């Protein structure tokens, strides 16, 4: 070791312990079939409406309690012992909630409350869903239907070589912090990871405009045209579960 599994391919040394080779011509699916370890073919053909209806076997409700600067959501009338996922969106698209773009927020059980700061977005829609996982890919059926738009019945609906969980493009920034302003672009991302901690930083244009930053009292002697609110040009998000979820 190290050794190339395809010795017929050209090898490019990178250093004394690393190398690269071009495997774009390798038919991995054929090799897996020959080895008796073929994976399901990728498919996106499934009835999202029927799948969503099937999630109704664990009914629950959300009690909404507004505060002066917060909103509290409490899970009520839910089956004891079951865990529920909480999702959020800012727009209901088309004739079905499955057409909308939902974001997983958190999960909890009957009687559990969650308090969030009031945001400029209006309106905001929330939905509770069961956490059953039909295809066993560690993504709940509801998350696949609402958020990742993958199949809840086939764990390789995007790529025949990787599970749907492995193909999830995790969102690191919270879209709710961008509402009320059209300048909501995030770009020039930098990422660092150590152990189970992952930190992503980026240029956040939504926060990089006057009026969206914190007051800077040291600027009071400057001309009146200079805002006393300093733009916050850098956003960052932290994950402590290896990159599966992030807190903006």
Protein backbone atom coordinates (compact mmCIF):
# COMPACT_ATOMS: atom_id res chain seq x y z
CA UNK A 1 0.00 0.00 0.00
CA UNK A 2 -0.80 2.35 -1.51
CA UNK A 3 -1.70 0.47 -4.69
CA UNK A 4 -3.97 1.22 -7.61
CA UNK A 5 -6.95 -1.15 -7.98
CA UNK A 6 -6.66 -0.62 -11.75
CA UNK A 7 -2.97 -1.16 -12.64
CA UNK A 8 -3.74 -0.75 -16.34
CA UNK A 9 -4.61 2.93 -15.79
CA UNK A 10 -2.04 5.69 -15.81
CA UNK A 11 -0.91 6.68 -12.29
CA UNK A 12 0.16 10.23 -11.41
CA UNK A 13 2.30 10.49 -8.23
CA UNK A 14 1.33 13.41 -5.99
CA UNK A 15 3.89 12.77 -3.24
CA UNK A 16 5.67 9.77 -1.77
CA UNK A 17 2.44 8.48 -0.16
CA UNK A 18 -0.29 9.72 -2.52
CA UNK A 19 -1.23 9.15 -6.12
CA UNK A 20 -4.10 9.81 -8.52
CA UNK A 21 -5.51 7.95 -11.49
CA UNK A 22 -8.23 8.67 -14.05
CA UNK A 23 -11.10 6.19 -13.61
CA UNK A 24 -13.71 7.93 -15.76
CA UNK A 25 -13.65 4.98 -18.17
CA UNK A 26 -14.28 2.39 -15.42
CA UNK A 27 -17.77 0.84 -15.44
CA UNK A 28 -18.33 0.47 -11.68
CA UNK A 29 -21.92 -0.70 -12.09
CA UNK A 30 -20.80 -3.57 -14.32
CA UNK A 31 -18.05 -4.51 -11.88
CA UNK A 32 -20.49 -4.54 -8.95
CA UNK A 33 -22.95 -6.67 -10.93
CA UNK A 34 -20.19 -9.16 -11.72
CA UNK A 35 -19.27 -9.24 -8.05
CA UNK A 36 -22.87 -9.97 -7.06
CA UNK A 37 -23.22 -6.66 -5.21
CA UNK A 38 -25.32 -4.62 -7.60
CA UNK A 39 -27.08 -1.60 -6.10
CA UNK A 40 -30.56 -0.37 -7.05
CA UNK A 41 -30.74 1.77 -10.16
CA UNK A 42 -31.29 5.47 -9.57
CA UNK A 43 -34.92 6.49 -9.90
CA UNK A 44 -37.06 9.49 -9.09
CA UNK A 45 -40.40 7.95 -10.10
CA UNK A 46 -42.63 7.75 -7.03
CA UNK A 47 -45.92 9.27 -5.92
CA UNK A 48 -45.04 12.05 -3.46
CA UNK A 49 -48.70 12.72 -2.71
CA UNK A 50 -49.40 9.12 -1.77
CA UNK A 51 -46.21 8.97 0.27
CA UNK A 52 -47.17 12.12 2.18
CA UNK A 53 -50.63 10.71 2.92
CA UNK A 54 -48.97 7.64 4.40
CA UNK A 55 -47.24 9.86 6.97
CA UNK A 56 -50.57 10.67 8.65
CA UNK A 57 -50.59 7.58 10.86
CA UNK A 58 -48.99 9.49 13.75
CA UNK A 59 -51.12 12.59 14.05
CA UNK A 60 -49.94 15.60 16.05
CA UNK A 61 -50.58 19.33 16.38
CA UNK A 62 -48.59 22.51 16.93
CA UNK A 63 -49.66 25.04 19.56
CA UNK A 64 -48.36 28.48 18.54
CA UNK A 65 -47.70 31.06 21.26
CA UNK A 66 -46.49 34.46 19.98
CA UNK A 67 -44.34 36.70 22.18
CA UNK A 68 -43.07 40.25 21.79
CA UNK A 69 -39.93 39.18 19.91
CA UNK A 70 -40.34 35.40 19.85
CA UNK A 71 -42.66 32.63 18.78
CA UNK A 72 -43.02 29.38 20.74
CA UNK A 73 -44.19 26.14 19.12
CA UNK A 74 -45.39 23.27 21.33
CA UNK A 75 -46.12 19.73 20.13
CA UNK A 76 -49.53 18.65 21.47
CA UNK A 77 -52.01 15.78 21.01
CA UNK A 78 -49.22 13.60 19.67
CA UNK A 79 -48.66 9.87 20.12
CA UNK A 80 -46.58 9.35 23.23
CA UNK A 81 -43.12 7.92 22.60
CA UNK A 82 -42.97 9.04 18.96
CA UNK A 83 -40.50 11.61 17.67
CA UNK A 84 -41.54 14.24 15.14
CA UNK A 85 -39.58 16.40 12.70
CA UNK A 86 -40.36 20.11 12.48
CA UNK A 87 -40.00 21.79 9.07
CA UNK A 88 -40.37 25.42 7.96
CA UNK A 89 -40.92 27.24 4.68
CA UNK A 90 -41.72 30.80 3.64
CA UNK A 91 -43.87 30.05 0.59
CA UNK A 92 -46.35 27.34 -0.37
CA UNK A 93 -45.74 26.62 -4.04
CA UNK A 94 -48.13 24.98 -6.48
CA UNK A 95 -51.13 22.92 -5.42
CA UNK A 96 -49.26 20.74 -2.92
CA UNK A 97 -46.98 21.35 0.04
CA UNK A 98 -44.60 18.80 -1.49
CA UNK A 99 -43.77 21.34 -4.22
CA UNK A 100 -42.48 23.85 -1.65
CA UNK A 101 -38.91 24.10 -0.38
CA UNK A 102 -38.89 23.11 3.28
CA UNK A 103 -36.03 23.32 5.76
CA UNK A 104 -35.64 20.87 8.65
CA UNK A 105 -35.57 22.86 11.90
CA UNK A 106 -35.50 20.38 14.79
CA UNK A 107 -37.30 17.35 16.21
CA UNK A 108 -39.13 16.57 19.42
CA UNK A 109 -41.92 14.64 21.14
CA UNK A 110 -45.32 15.34 22.70
CA UNK A 111 -45.29 18.32 25.09
CA UNK A 112 -41.91 19.64 23.95
CA UNK A 113 -41.64 23.37 23.14
CA UNK A 114 -39.32 25.32 20.85
CA UNK A 115 -38.83 29.09 20.96
CA UNK A 116 -37.52 31.03 17.97
CA UNK A 117 -36.79 34.75 17.58
CA UNK A 118 -39.26 36.72 15.49
CA UNK A 119 -37.90 37.16 11.95
CA UNK A 120 -38.80 39.67 9.21
CA UNK A 121 -40.18 36.88 7.02
CA UNK A 122 -43.93 36.88 6.60
CA UNK A 123 -45.63 34.53 6.42
CA UNK A 124 -43.83 31.48 7.87
CA UNK A 125 -45.31 27.99 7.59
CA UNK A 126 -44.48 25.08 9.90
CA UNK A 127 -45.32 21.40 9.60
CA UNK A 128 -44.80 18.39 11.87
CA UNK A 129 -44.09 14.99 10.38
CA UNK A 130 -43.27 11.47 11.52
CA UNK A 131 -39.67 10.28 11.59
CA UNK A 132 -40.24 6.83 10.09
CA UNK A 133 -37.58 5.79 7.56
CA UNK A 134 -38.97 3.30 5.06
CA UNK A 135 -35.81 2.79 2.99
CA UNK A 136 -33.39 2.82 5.94
CA UNK A 137 -31.06 5.55 4.61
CA UNK A 138 -31.15 7.58 7.88
CA UNK A 139 -33.33 10.25 6.22
CA UNK A 140 -36.92 10.27 7.45
CA UNK A 141 -39.62 9.78 4.83
CA UNK A 142 -40.89 13.30 5.48
CA UNK A 143 -37.45 14.87 5.06
CA UNK A 144 -36.98 13.10 1.74
CA UNK A 145 -40.40 14.24 0.49
CA UNK A 146 -40.30 17.80 1.81
CA UNK A 147 -36.63 18.83 1.86
CA UNK A 148 -34.21 16.64 -0.09
CA UNK A 149 -36.81 15.70 -2.78
CA UNK A 150 -35.51 12.11 -2.87
CA UNK A 151 -37.47 8.87 -2.78
CA UNK A 152 -38.55 7.59 0.67
CA UNK A 153 -38.82 4.05 -0.71
CA UNK A 154 -35.45 3.73 -2.50
CA UNK A 155 -32.22 4.63 -0.71
CA UNK A 156 -30.32 5.19 -3.98
CA UNK A 157 -32.78 7.48 -5.77
CA UNK A 158 -30.12 10.03 -6.80
CA UNK A 159 -27.00 7.99 -7.50
CA UNK A 160 -26.47 4.21 -7.81
CA UNK A 161 -23.18 4.37 -5.91
CA UNK A 162 -24.16 6.53 -2.93
CA UNK A 163 -27.16 6.52 -0.62
CA UNK A 164 -29.55 9.46 -0.53
CA UNK A 165 -28.03 10.53 2.80
CA UNK A 166 -24.54 10.61 1.26
CA UNK A 167 -25.86 12.77 -1.59
CA UNK A 168 -27.56 15.40 0.61
CA UNK A 169 -26.25 18.91 0.00
CA UNK A 170 -26.51 20.30 3.53
CA UNK A 171 -27.53 23.96 3.80
CA UNK A 172 -25.23 25.76 6.24
CA UNK A 173 -26.94 29.17 6.30
CA UNK A 174 -30.40 29.90 7.68
CA UNK A 175 -32.58 31.44 4.92
CA UNK A 176 -34.81 33.03 7.55
CA UNK A 177 -32.02 35.49 8.36
CA UNK A 178 -32.12 36.73 4.76
CA UNK A 179 -35.79 37.65 4.59
CA UNK A 180 -36.94 41.18 3.94
CA UNK A 181 -34.01 42.02 1.67
CA UNK A 182 -33.17 41.04 -1.89
CA UNK A 183 -29.42 41.16 -1.20
CA UNK A 184 -29.24 37.68 0.28
CA UNK A 185 -26.31 36.10 -1.55
CA UNK A 186 -23.73 33.93 0.23
CA UNK A 187 -20.44 33.31 -1.57
CA UNK A 188 -16.68 32.70 -1.19
CA UNK A 189 -17.11 29.91 1.36
CA UNK A 190 -14.28 28.66 3.57
CA UNK A 191 -14.60 25.43 5.56
CA UNK A 192 -12.58 23.86 8.36
CA UNK A 193 -13.26 20.55 10.11
CA UNK A 194 -11.83 18.84 13.17
CA UNK A 195 -13.28 15.79 14.94
CA UNK A 196 -17.09 16.17 14.68
CA UNK A 197 -16.93 19.97 14.44
CA UNK A 198 -17.26 21.73 11.07
CA UNK A 199 -17.18 25.51 10.68
CA UNK A 200 -18.19 27.26 7.44
CA UNK A 201 -17.66 30.98 6.83
CA UNK A 202 -18.75 33.09 3.88
CA UNK A 203 -19.27 36.58 2.54
CA UNK A 204 -22.89 37.41 3.42
CA UNK A 205 -24.17 40.25 1.27
CA UNK A 206 -27.50 40.34 3.06
CA UNK A 207 -25.70 41.43 6.23
CA UNK A 208 -23.19 43.53 4.33
CA UNK A 209 -25.40 46.59 3.89
CA UNK A 210 -25.92 49.59 6.20
CA UNK A 211 -28.66 49.04 8.74
CA UNK A 212 -28.16 45.29 9.16
CA UNK A 213 -25.19 45.39 11.49
CA UNK A 214 -24.71 46.33 15.14
CA UNK A 215 -24.44 50.01 16.19
CA UNK A 216 -20.86 51.32 16.48
CA UNK A 217 -20.82 54.19 19.00
CA UNK A 218 -17.22 55.09 18.17
CA UNK A 219 -18.35 56.52 14.82
CA UNK A 220 -20.54 59.27 16.30
CA UNK A 221 -18.07 62.04 15.35
CA UNK A 222 -18.10 61.14 11.64
CA UNK A 223 -20.17 63.02 9.02
CA UNK A 224 -23.91 62.47 9.16
CA UNK A 225 -23.91 60.45 5.90
CA UNK A 226 -21.89 57.71 7.57
CA UNK A 227 -24.27 55.20 9.13
CA UNK A 228 -23.84 54.26 12.77
CA UNK A 229 -24.76 50.66 11.85
CA UNK A 230 -21.69 48.74 10.75
CA UNK A 231 -22.25 46.16 7.99
CA UNK A 232 -21.53 42.56 9.00
CA UNK A 233 -19.87 41.16 5.90
CA UNK A 234 -18.95 37.73 7.24
CA UNK A 235 -21.42 35.01 8.19
CA UNK A 236 -20.51 31.69 9.75
CA UNK A 237 -22.17 28.45 10.76
CA UNK A 238 -21.16 25.65 13.13
CA UNK A 239 -21.87 21.91 13.00
CA UNK A 240 -21.11 19.60 15.90
CA UNK A 241 -22.41 16.40 14.34
CA UNK A 242 -19.93 15.96 11.52
CA UNK A 243 -21.71 18.24 9.07
CA UNK A 244 -25.20 16.74 9.11
CA UNK A 245 -26.77 19.90 10.58
CA UNK A 246 -25.53 23.49 10.99
CA UNK A 247 -26.40 26.44 13.24
CA UNK A 248 -26.10 29.82 11.47
